[in-house]
Each structure stands twice: as C-alpha cells, then as structure tokens.
C-alpha cells in the first residue's frame, strides 16, 4: 500500500496517510456515515459531501501517524508516542479536540521536556464518532489496513525508543491490535517508560487506559503521567512511587 507524507507550512505538523483509498472510490454508504456524524441533520447530502471531501483532504481516509511539535525549552529532541484508538479529523493542517488535549497535557502537566509527540492509533480509519467504528471495521474490508497499521506501530516502536503514553480507552483494550502492541512493549521495553494520564477503575473496564476525550479530560483535576508496567496476560499495573519496576 502506498503512503503519503503531508507537512504543514510551518512544519509543526506532519501526517502519514495510506493513499490507496480515495474518497470518491469509497462507497456512498461510507460517505453517508461520515456526513451524518460530522454534520448534524444534513439537508443536502451532495453539498455536505463536498464539504466533507474538503474537510478530510479529499482522500486519505486512513491515517498512520501524526507528529506535532510542542513548546519546550529542551534543546535536545525528545519525542513521545501517544497511542490512541482511531483518528478523527486532525491532519497536517490542524488538530482536533482530542489532540489539543494531548498537546495541552504535555505542555502544561508534565516535566519530561518532550519536544514533540507522535500519535499512533490502534485503528487507522478516520471517524469522528467512535460509536460507528466497530460497525465500519466489520462492514468494510479493512483487515489488511488494520494489519498494516499494527505493523507500522510496532516498527515505529522498534525504531525509536521513545516513551509511550497509552490512551486508547477501554472499549478496544482487549482487541488483538491493542494486545499486539502491549505484547511488544512488554517484551521489548528497554530504554523507554510507559505511561497513561488516567487509568479506568470501574468494573469491566478496570486497569484500562483512559482516552483523551474532552468529556473525561476536562473533568480530571489532577493531571499527571501515571507510570505503568505490563504484566501477565498483558494487563496493566500502576507503579507506585515506592514500587520497583
């Protein structure tokens, strides 16, 4: 599959997309899903599809990564991976709400002096409403895309020993894509730290990383990096200050 790299004019943002799937080649049903979930109660589907095509860069419905520079006094380049669930509308021209939260968190609430972050997603499909994600993954033949995406993430983790922040939410924590990443991090975790900014503790979602969605992020008073350890069955464990890693 062919990929394409796009960079903002000021070079603060960079995206890598899978180029194979052009918007106009995607089924009408898929486009309607995007329209319904991006524009409320569209009166004219054709007009909204035109807006949507522009909104999603006309093509590139699958994003492999997004890099964003941070305001930092550190002269040495220090990057961190942030692994989320799936991309929304953020691209090389601007961030969405979730990635604004990530940027805000890394600039205001950490002392790691990260100079930039790279967003990876366990699913590469760009969908602004996560409620439809599972249906789309089942309905459209995206197995090869998801496999390629997982390979891209693991290769990125192999190539760069950057710290990792897990934030893909609870719903897909046990999916094979997330488990493959956790397995790799558990076995190849030399030279990096693994964090979350919040861990779910409710029944059924216990010890799963919280997403950076604004609904949750804005309610959390104490924002901080929580060190994690990956243990048996790829479960996550809090690392208390007095615990040995």
C-alpha atoms as a PDB file:
ATOM      1  CA  UNK A   1       0.000   0.000   0.000  1.00  0.00           C
ATOM      2  CA  UNK A   2       1.282   3.397  -0.921  1.00  0.00           C
ATOM      3  CA  UNK A   3       1.713   6.026   1.774  1.00  0.00           C
ATOM      4  CA  UNK A   4       1.980   9.789   1.522  1.00  0.00           C
ATOM      5  CA  UNK A   5       3.519  12.331   3.904  1.00  0.00           C
ATOM      6  CA  UNK A   6       1.988  15.783   4.337  1.00  0.00           C
ATOM      7  CA  UNK A   7       3.548  18.629   6.349  1.00  0.00           C
ATOM      8  CA  UNK A   8       2.144  21.967   7.487  1.00  0.00           C
ATOM      9  CA  UNK A   9       3.652  25.171   6.123  1.00  0.00           C
ATOM     10  CA  UNK A  10       5.301  25.960   9.457  1.00  0.00           C
ATOM     11  CA  UNK A  11       6.473  22.290   9.789  1.00  0.00           C
ATOM     12  CA  UNK A  12       4.897  21.907  13.240  1.00  0.00           C
ATOM     13  CA  UNK A  13       2.558  19.160  11.993  1.00  0.00           C
ATOM     14  CA  UNK A  14       3.278  16.105   9.872  1.00  0.00           C
ATOM     15  CA  UNK A  15       0.955  13.285   8.830  1.00  0.00           C
ATOM     16  CA  UNK A  16       1.440   9.948   7.124  1.00  0.00           C
ATOM     17  CA  UNK A  17      -1.633   8.582   5.340  1.00  0.00           C
ATOM     18  CA  UNK A  18      -2.433   5.432   3.410  1.00  0.00           C
ATOM     19  CA  UNK A  19      -3.061   6.707  -0.091  1.00  0.00           C
ATOM     20  CA  UNK A  20      -4.763   3.689  -1.618  1.00  0.00           C
ATOM     21  CA  UNK A  21      -8.308   4.695  -0.711  1.00  0.00           C
ATOM     22  CA  UNK A  22      -9.539   7.831  -2.436  1.00  0.00           C
ATOM     23  CA  UNK A  23     -12.717   9.471  -1.174  1.00  0.00           C
ATOM     24  CA  UNK A  24     -14.558   9.199  -4.465  1.00  0.00           C
ATOM     25  CA  UNK A  25     -13.784   5.479  -4.618  1.00  0.00           C
ATOM     26  CA  UNK A  26     -15.351   4.868  -1.229  1.00  0.00           C
ATOM     27  CA  UNK A  27     -18.944   3.634  -1.142  1.00  0.00           C
ATOM     28  CA  UNK A  28     -21.828   6.078  -0.792  1.00  0.00           C
ATOM     29  CA  UNK A  29     -22.884   4.338   2.408  1.00  0.00           C
ATOM     30  CA  UNK A  30     -19.490   5.002   3.959  1.00  0.00           C
ATOM     31  CA  UNK A  31     -19.602   8.649   2.937  1.00  0.00           C
ATOM     32  CA  UNK A  32     -23.078   8.953   4.424  1.00  0.00           C
ATOM     33  CA  UNK A  33     -21.723   7.655   7.741  1.00  0.00           C
ATOM     34  CA  UNK A  34     -19.150  10.421   7.701  1.00  0.00           C
ATOM     35  CA  UNK A  35     -21.733  13.043   6.754  1.00  0.00           C
ATOM     36  CA  UNK A  36     -24.214  12.024   9.425  1.00  0.00           C
ATOM     37  CA  UNK A  37     -21.595  12.038  12.128  1.00  0.00           C
ATOM     38  CA  UNK A  38     -19.760  15.186  11.117  1.00  0.00           C
ATOM     39  CA  UNK A  39     -22.630  17.455  10.121  1.00  0.00           C
ATOM     40  CA  UNK A  40     -25.833  17.274  12.135  1.00  0.00           C
ATOM     41  CA  UNK A  41     -29.031  16.652  10.150  1.00  0.00           C
ATOM     42  CA  UNK A  42     -27.644  17.437   6.688  1.00  0.00           C
ATOM     43  CA  UNK A  43     -30.299  18.910   4.406  1.00  0.00           C
ATOM     44  CA  UNK A  44     -28.370  18.331   1.223  1.00  0.00           C
ATOM     45  CA  UNK A  45     -26.179  15.237   1.095  1.00  0.00           C
ATOM     46  CA  UNK A  46     -24.358  16.361  -2.062  1.00  0.00           C
ATOM     47  CA  UNK A  47     -23.424  19.739  -0.603  1.00  0.00           C
ATOM     48  CA  UNK A  48     -22.313  18.141   2.647  1.00  0.00           C
ATOM     49  CA  UNK A  49     -20.275  15.524   0.816  1.00  0.00           C
ATOM     50  CA  UNK A  50     -18.415  18.347  -0.936  1.00  0.00           C
ATOM     51  CA  UNK A  51     -17.702  19.979   2.424  1.00  0.00           C
ATOM     52  CA  UNK A  52     -16.692  16.636   3.816  1.00  0.00           C
ATOM     53  CA  UNK A  53     -14.301  15.898   0.962  1.00  0.00           C
ATOM     54  CA  UNK A  54     -12.540  19.164   1.655  1.00  0.00           C
ATOM     55  CA  UNK A  55     -12.672  18.508   5.404  1.00  0.00           C
ATOM     56  CA  UNK A  56     -10.927  15.165   5.039  1.00  0.00           C
ATOM     57  CA  UNK A  57      -8.434  16.327   2.410  1.00  0.00           C
ATOM     58  CA  UNK A  58     -10.444  14.774  -0.438  1.00  0.00           C
ATOM     59  CA  UNK A  59      -8.731  11.443   0.192  1.00  0.00           C
ATOM     60  CA  UNK A  60      -6.569   9.816   2.855  1.00  0.00           C
ATOM     61  CA  UNK A  61      -9.316   8.238   4.944  1.00  0.00           C
ATOM     62  CA  UNK A  62      -6.660   6.167   6.749  1.00  0.00           C
ATOM     63  CA  UNK A  63      -4.008   7.909   8.852  1.00  0.00           C
ATOM     64  CA  UNK A  64      -0.950   6.034  10.078  1.00  0.00           C
ATOM     65  CA  UNK A  65       0.612   8.783  12.195  1.00  0.00           C
ATOM     66  CA  UNK A  66       0.537  12.444  13.137  1.00  0.00           C
ATOM     67  CA  UNK A  67       3.513  14.323  14.594  1.00  0.00           C
ATOM     68  CA  UNK A  68       3.107  17.612  16.442  1.00  0.00           C
ATOM     69  CA  UNK A  69       5.742  19.975  17.835  1.00  0.00           C
ATOM     70  CA  UNK A  70       5.484  21.191  21.432  1.00  0.00           C
ATOM     71  CA  UNK A  71       6.512  24.421  23.105  1.00  0.00           C
ATOM     72  CA  UNK A  72       9.543  23.332  25.098  1.00  0.00           C
ATOM     73  CA  UNK A  73      12.897  24.760  26.230  1.00  0.00           C
ATOM     74  CA  UNK A  74      14.669  21.448  25.735  1.00  0.00           C
ATOM     75  CA  UNK A  75      17.359  21.849  23.066  1.00  0.00           C
ATOM     76  CA  UNK A  76      17.675  18.093  22.599  1.00  0.00           C
ATOM     77  CA  UNK A  77      14.916  16.467  20.563  1.00  0.00           C
ATOM     78  CA  UNK A  78      12.839  14.287  22.856  1.00  0.00           C
ATOM     79  CA  UNK A  79       9.715  12.685  21.398  1.00  0.00           C
ATOM     80  CA  UNK A  80       6.922  10.634  22.947  1.00  0.00           C
ATOM     81  CA  UNK A  81       4.457   8.231  21.333  1.00  0.00           C
ATOM     82  CA  UNK A  82       0.785   8.676  22.206  1.00  0.00           C
ATOM     83  CA  UNK A  83      -1.290   5.653  21.215  1.00  0.00           C
ATOM     84  CA  UNK A  84      -4.994   6.407  20.791  1.00  0.00           C
ATOM     85  CA  UNK A  85      -8.000   4.491  19.473  1.00  0.00           C
ATOM     86  CA  UNK A  86      -8.617   5.892  15.970  1.00  0.00           C
ATOM     87  CA  UNK A  87      -8.042   9.194  14.142  1.00  0.00           C
ATOM     88  CA  UNK A  88     -10.725  11.843  13.855  1.00  0.00           C
ATOM     89  CA  UNK A  89     -10.360  14.855  11.567  1.00  0.00           C
ATOM     90  CA  UNK A  90      -6.915  16.097  12.728  1.00  0.00           C
ATOM     91  CA  UNK A  91      -4.347  16.356   9.955  1.00  0.00           C
ATOM     92  CA  UNK A  92      -1.284  18.349   8.891  1.00  0.00           C
ATOM     93  CA  UNK A  93      -3.443  21.498   8.711  1.00  0.00           C
ATOM     94  CA  UNK A  94      -4.725  21.415  12.289  1.00  0.00           C
ATOM     95  CA  UNK A  95      -5.551  19.410  15.414  1.00  0.00           C
ATOM     96  CA  UNK A  96      -8.913  18.172  16.655  1.00  0.00           C
ATOM     97  CA  UNK A  97     -10.197  18.446  20.247  1.00  0.00           C
ATOM     98  CA  UNK A  98      -8.566  15.215  21.405  1.00  0.00           C
ATOM     99  CA  UNK A  99      -5.136  16.164  20.100  1.00  0.00           C
ATOM    100  CA  UNK A 100      -5.461  19.671  21.528  1.00  0.00           C
ATOM    101  CA  UNK A 101      -5.969  17.922  24.875  1.00  0.00           C
ATOM    102  CA  UNK A 102      -2.834  15.837  24.292  1.00  0.00           C
ATOM    103  CA  UNK A 103      -0.824  18.932  23.392  1.00  0.00           C
ATOM    104  CA  UNK A 104      -2.174  20.851  26.374  1.00  0.00           C
ATOM    105  CA  UNK A 105      -1.370  17.977  28.724  1.00  0.00           C
ATOM    106  CA  UNK A 106       2.191  17.508  27.510  1.00  0.00           C
ATOM    107  CA  UNK A 107       2.985  21.227  27.617  1.00  0.00           C
ATOM    108  CA  UNK A 108       1.350  22.036  30.968  1.00  0.00           C
ATOM    109  CA  UNK A 109       1.258  18.949  33.141  1.00  0.00           C
ATOM    110  CA  UNK A 110       4.484  17.043  32.531  1.00  0.00           C
ATOM    111  CA  UNK A 111       8.106  17.800  33.363  1.00  0.00           C
ATOM    112  CA  UNK A 112       9.590  15.482  30.752  1.00  0.00           C
ATOM    113  CA  UNK A 113      10.571  18.286  28.346  1.00  0.00           C
ATOM    114  CA  UNK A 114       9.177  16.468  25.341  1.00  0.00           C
ATOM    115  CA  UNK A 115       9.775  18.496  22.191  1.00  0.00           C
ATOM    116  CA  UNK A 116       7.117  16.720  20.124  1.00  0.00           C
ATOM    117  CA  UNK A 117       4.657  13.857  20.189  1.00  0.00           C
ATOM    118  CA  UNK A 118       3.700  11.288  17.578  1.00  0.00           C
ATOM    119  CA  UNK A 119       0.147   9.966  17.549  1.00  0.00           C
ATOM    120  CA  UNK A 120      -0.398   6.345  16.584  1.00  0.00           C
ATOM    121  CA  UNK A 121      -3.825   4.674  16.613  1.00  0.00           C
ATOM    122  CA  UNK A 122      -4.768   1.035  17.090  1.00  0.00           C
ATOM    123  CA  UNK A 123      -7.208   1.522  14.188  1.00  0.00           C
ATOM    124  CA  UNK A 124      -6.253   3.832  11.287  1.00  0.00           C
ATOM    125  CA  UNK A 125      -9.755   4.586   9.996  1.00  0.00           C
ATOM    126  CA  UNK A 126     -10.694   8.279  10.331  1.00  0.00           C
ATOM    127  CA  UNK A 127     -14.070   8.510  12.051  1.00  0.00           C
ATOM    128  CA  UNK A 128     -15.170  11.378  14.274  1.00  0.00           C
ATOM    129  CA  UNK A 129     -17.824   9.328  16.086  1.00  0.00           C
ATOM    130  CA  UNK A 130     -16.388   6.224  17.732  1.00  0.00           C
ATOM    131  CA  UNK A 131     -19.850   4.662  18.083  1.00  0.00           C
ATOM    132  CA  UNK A 132     -19.702   3.699  14.403  1.00  0.00           C
ATOM    133  CA  UNK A 133     -16.132   2.476  14.391  1.00  0.00           C
ATOM    134  CA  UNK A 134     -16.815  -1.170  15.146  1.00  0.00           C
ATOM    135  CA  UNK A 135     -19.597  -1.364  12.550  1.00  0.00           C
ATOM    136  CA  UNK A 136     -17.314   0.154   9.923  1.00  0.00           C
ATOM    137  CA  UNK A 137     -14.491  -2.224  10.802  1.00  0.00           C
ATOM    138  CA  UNK A 138     -16.859  -5.158  10.292  1.00  0.00           C
ATOM    139  CA  UNK A 139     -18.666  -3.805   7.243  1.00  0.00           C
ATOM    140  CA  UNK A 140     -15.701  -2.665   5.186  1.00  0.00           C
ATOM    141  CA  UNK A 141     -12.778  -4.870   4.298  1.00  0.00           C
ATOM    142  CA  UNK A 142     -10.212  -3.168   6.491  1.00  0.00           C
ATOM    143  CA  UNK A 143      -8.405  -6.246   7.853  1.00  0.00           C
ATOM    144  CA  UNK A 144      -5.336  -5.656   5.694  1.00  0.00           C
ATOM    145  CA  UNK A 145      -5.374  -1.953   6.581  1.00  0.00           C
ATOM    146  CA  UNK A 146      -5.504  -2.725  10.300  1.00  0.00           C
ATOM    147  CA  UNK A 147      -2.754  -5.320   9.968  1.00  0.00           C
ATOM    148  CA  UNK A 148      -0.577  -2.831   8.109  1.00  0.00           C
ATOM    149  CA  UNK A 149      -1.301  -0.227  10.768  1.00  0.00           C
ATOM    150  CA  UNK A 150      -0.279  -2.576  13.615  1.00  0.00           C
ATOM    151  CA  UNK A 151       2.928  -3.415  11.762  1.00  0.00           C
ATOM    152  CA  UNK A 152       3.601   0.306  11.319  1.00  0.00           C
ATOM    153  CA  UNK A 153       3.165   0.939  15.058  1.00  0.00           C
ATOM    154  CA  UNK A 154       5.414  -1.922  16.118  1.00  0.00           C
ATOM    155  CA  UNK A 155       8.068  -0.918  13.584  1.00  0.00           C
ATOM    156  CA  UNK A 156       7.907   2.659  14.920  1.00  0.00           C
ATOM    157  CA  UNK A 157       8.343   1.373  18.472  1.00  0.00           C
ATOM    158  CA  UNK A 158      11.278  -0.768  17.350  1.00  0.00           C
ATOM    159  CA  UNK A 159      12.966   2.108  15.552  1.00  0.00           C
ATOM    160  CA  UNK A 160      12.532   4.741  18.275  1.00  0.00           C
ATOM    161  CA  UNK A 161      12.847   4.031  21.990  1.00  0.00           C
ATOM    162  CA  UNK A 162      10.619   6.970  22.841  1.00  0.00           C
ATOM    163  CA  UNK A 163       8.428   6.933  25.927  1.00  0.00           C
ATOM    164  CA  UNK A 164       4.841   5.764  25.319  1.00  0.00           C
ATOM    165  CA  UNK A 165       1.539   7.101  26.627  1.00  0.00           C
ATOM    166  CA  UNK A 166      -1.343   4.628  26.306  1.00  0.00           C
ATOM    167  CA  UNK A 167      -4.700   6.367  25.824  1.00  0.00           C
ATOM    168  CA  UNK A 168      -6.870   4.221  23.557  1.00  0.00           C
ATOM    169  CA  UNK A 169      -9.771   3.946  26.000  1.00  0.00           C
ATOM    170  CA  UNK A 170     -11.408   0.878  27.463  1.00  0.00           C
ATOM    171  CA  UNK A 171     -13.667  -0.375  24.674  1.00  0.00           C
ATOM    172  CA  UNK A 172     -10.923  -1.815  22.481  1.00  0.00           C
ATOM    173  CA  UNK A 173      -8.318  -2.654  25.111  1.00  0.00           C
ATOM    174  CA  UNK A 174      -8.692  -6.412  24.611  1.00  0.00           C
ATOM    175  CA  UNK A 175      -8.751  -6.320  20.820  1.00  0.00           C
ATOM    176  CA  UNK A 176      -5.896  -8.092  19.096  1.00  0.00           C
ATOM    177  CA  UNK A 177      -4.446  -4.840  17.772  1.00  0.00           C
ATOM    178  CA  UNK A 178      -4.029  -3.365  21.269  1.00  0.00           C
ATOM    179  CA  UNK A 179      -2.841  -6.676  22.666  1.00  0.00           C
ATOM    180  CA  UNK A 180      -0.145  -6.973  19.971  1.00  0.00           C
ATOM    181  CA  UNK A 181       1.200  -3.556  20.977  1.00  0.00           C
ATOM    182  CA  UNK A 182       1.147  -4.438  24.689  1.00  0.00           C
ATOM    183  CA  UNK A 183       2.893  -7.744  23.990  1.00  0.00           C
ATOM    184  CA  UNK A 184       5.654  -5.982  22.089  1.00  0.00           C
ATOM    185  CA  UNK A 185       6.106  -3.331  24.782  1.00  0.00           C
ATOM    186  CA  UNK A 186       6.257  -5.987  27.489  1.00  0.00           C
ATOM    187  CA  UNK A 187       8.919  -7.987  25.646  1.00  0.00           C
ATOM    188  CA  UNK A 188      10.940  -5.072  24.214  1.00  0.00           C
ATOM    189  CA  UNK A 189      10.663  -2.456  26.930  1.00  0.00           C
ATOM    190  CA  UNK A 190      14.316  -1.479  27.314  1.00  0.00           C
ATOM    191  CA  UNK A 191      15.108   2.234  27.303  1.00  0.00           C
ATOM    192  CA  UNK A 192      11.589   3.657  27.497  1.00  0.00           C
ATOM    193  CA  UNK A 193       8.907   4.482  30.066  1.00  0.00           C
ATOM    194  CA  UNK A 194       5.225   3.578  29.664  1.00  0.00           C
ATOM    195  CA  UNK A 195       2.533   5.894  30.993  1.00  0.00           C
ATOM    196  CA  UNK A 196      -1.130   6.797  30.943  1.00  0.00           C
ATOM    197  CA  UNK A 197      -2.672  10.065  32.084  1.00  0.00           C
ATOM    198  CA  UNK A 198      -5.519   8.196  33.771  1.00  0.00           C
ATOM    199  CA  UNK A 199      -6.446   4.547  34.310  1.00  0.00           C
ATOM    200  CA  UNK A 200     -10.033   3.306  34.398  1.00  0.00           C
ATOM    201  CA  UNK A 201     -11.018   1.637  37.668  1.00  0.00           C
ATOM    202  CA  UNK A 202     -14.707   0.815  37.097  1.00  0.00           C
ATOM    203  CA  UNK A 203     -15.887  -2.780  36.888  1.00  0.00           C
ATOM    204  CA  UNK A 204     -15.443  -4.298  33.453  1.00  0.00           C
ATOM    205  CA  UNK A 205     -13.007  -1.567  32.454  1.00  0.00           C
ATOM    206  CA  UNK A 206     -10.542  -1.879  35.296  1.00  0.00           C
ATOM    207  CA  UNK A 207      -6.874  -1.222  34.515  1.00  0.00           C
ATOM    208  CA  UNK A 208      -7.511   0.055  31.002  1.00  0.00           C
ATOM    209  CA  UNK A 209      -6.094   3.387  29.778  1.00  0.00           C
ATOM    210  CA  UNK A 210      -8.423   6.371  29.564  1.00  0.00           C
ATOM    211  CA  UNK A 211      -8.878   8.222  26.280  1.00  0.00           C
ATOM    212  CA  UNK A 212      -8.075  11.946  25.945  1.00  0.00           C
ATOM    213  CA  UNK A 213     -11.669  12.750  25.048  1.00  0.00           C
ATOM    214  CA  UNK A 214     -12.713  16.210  26.300  1.00  0.00           C
ATOM    215  CA  UNK A 215     -15.669  14.731  28.189  1.00  0.00           C
ATOM    216  CA  UNK A 216     -13.227  12.961  30.514  1.00  0.00           C
ATOM    217  CA  UNK A 217     -10.118  15.104  30.210  1.00  0.00           C
ATOM    218  CA  UNK A 218     -11.770  18.353  31.336  1.00  0.00           C
ATOM    219  CA  UNK A 219     -13.234  16.715  34.464  1.00  0.00           C
ATOM    220  CA  UNK A 220      -9.897  15.482  35.788  1.00  0.00           C
ATOM    221  CA  UNK A 221      -8.447  17.910  38.314  1.00  0.00           C
ATOM    222  CA  UNK A 222      -5.091  16.242  38.916  1.00  0.00           C
ATOM    223  CA  UNK A 223      -3.492  15.686  35.534  1.00  0.00           C
ATOM    224  CA  UNK A 224      -0.263  13.714  35.655  1.00  0.00           C
ATOM    225  CA  UNK A 225       1.652  10.931  33.971  1.00  0.00           C
ATOM    226  CA  UNK A 226       0.971   7.596  35.642  1.00  0.00           C
ATOM    227  CA  UNK A 227       3.821   5.071  35.252  1.00  0.00           C
ATOM    228  CA  UNK A 228       2.652   1.624  34.139  1.00  0.00           C
ATOM    229  CA  UNK A 229       4.031  -1.865  33.984  1.00  0.00           C
ATOM    230  CA  UNK A 230       2.745  -4.541  31.597  1.00  0.00           C
ATOM    231  CA  UNK A 231       2.353  -7.820  33.465  1.00  0.00           C
ATOM    232  CA  UNK A 232       0.932 -11.301  32.792  1.00  0.00           C
ATOM    233  CA  UNK A 233      -1.792 -11.579  30.140  1.00  0.00           C
ATOM    234  CA  UNK A 234      -0.767  -8.085  29.015  1.00  0.00           C
ATOM    235  CA  UNK A 235      -2.619  -6.492  31.914  1.00  0.00           C
ATOM    236  CA  UNK A 236      -1.593  -3.033  33.136  1.00  0.00           C
ATOM    237  CA  UNK A 237      -0.334  -2.341  36.637  1.00  0.00           C
ATOM    238  CA  UNK A 238       0.101   1.021  38.353  1.00  0.00           C
ATOM    239  CA  UNK A 239       3.646   1.654  39.521  1.00  0.00           C
ATOM    240  CA  UNK A 240       3.569   3.318  42.922  1.00  0.00           C
ATOM    241  CA  UNK A 241       6.450   5.589  43.837  1.00  0.00           C
ATOM    242  CA  UNK A 242       7.876   3.066  46.258  1.00  0.00           C
ATOM    243  CA  UNK A 243       7.447   0.081  43.958  1.00  0.00           C
ATOM    244  CA  UNK A 244      10.331  -1.355  41.997  1.00  0.00           C
ATOM    245  CA  UNK A 245       9.849  -1.533  38.269  1.00  0.00           C
END
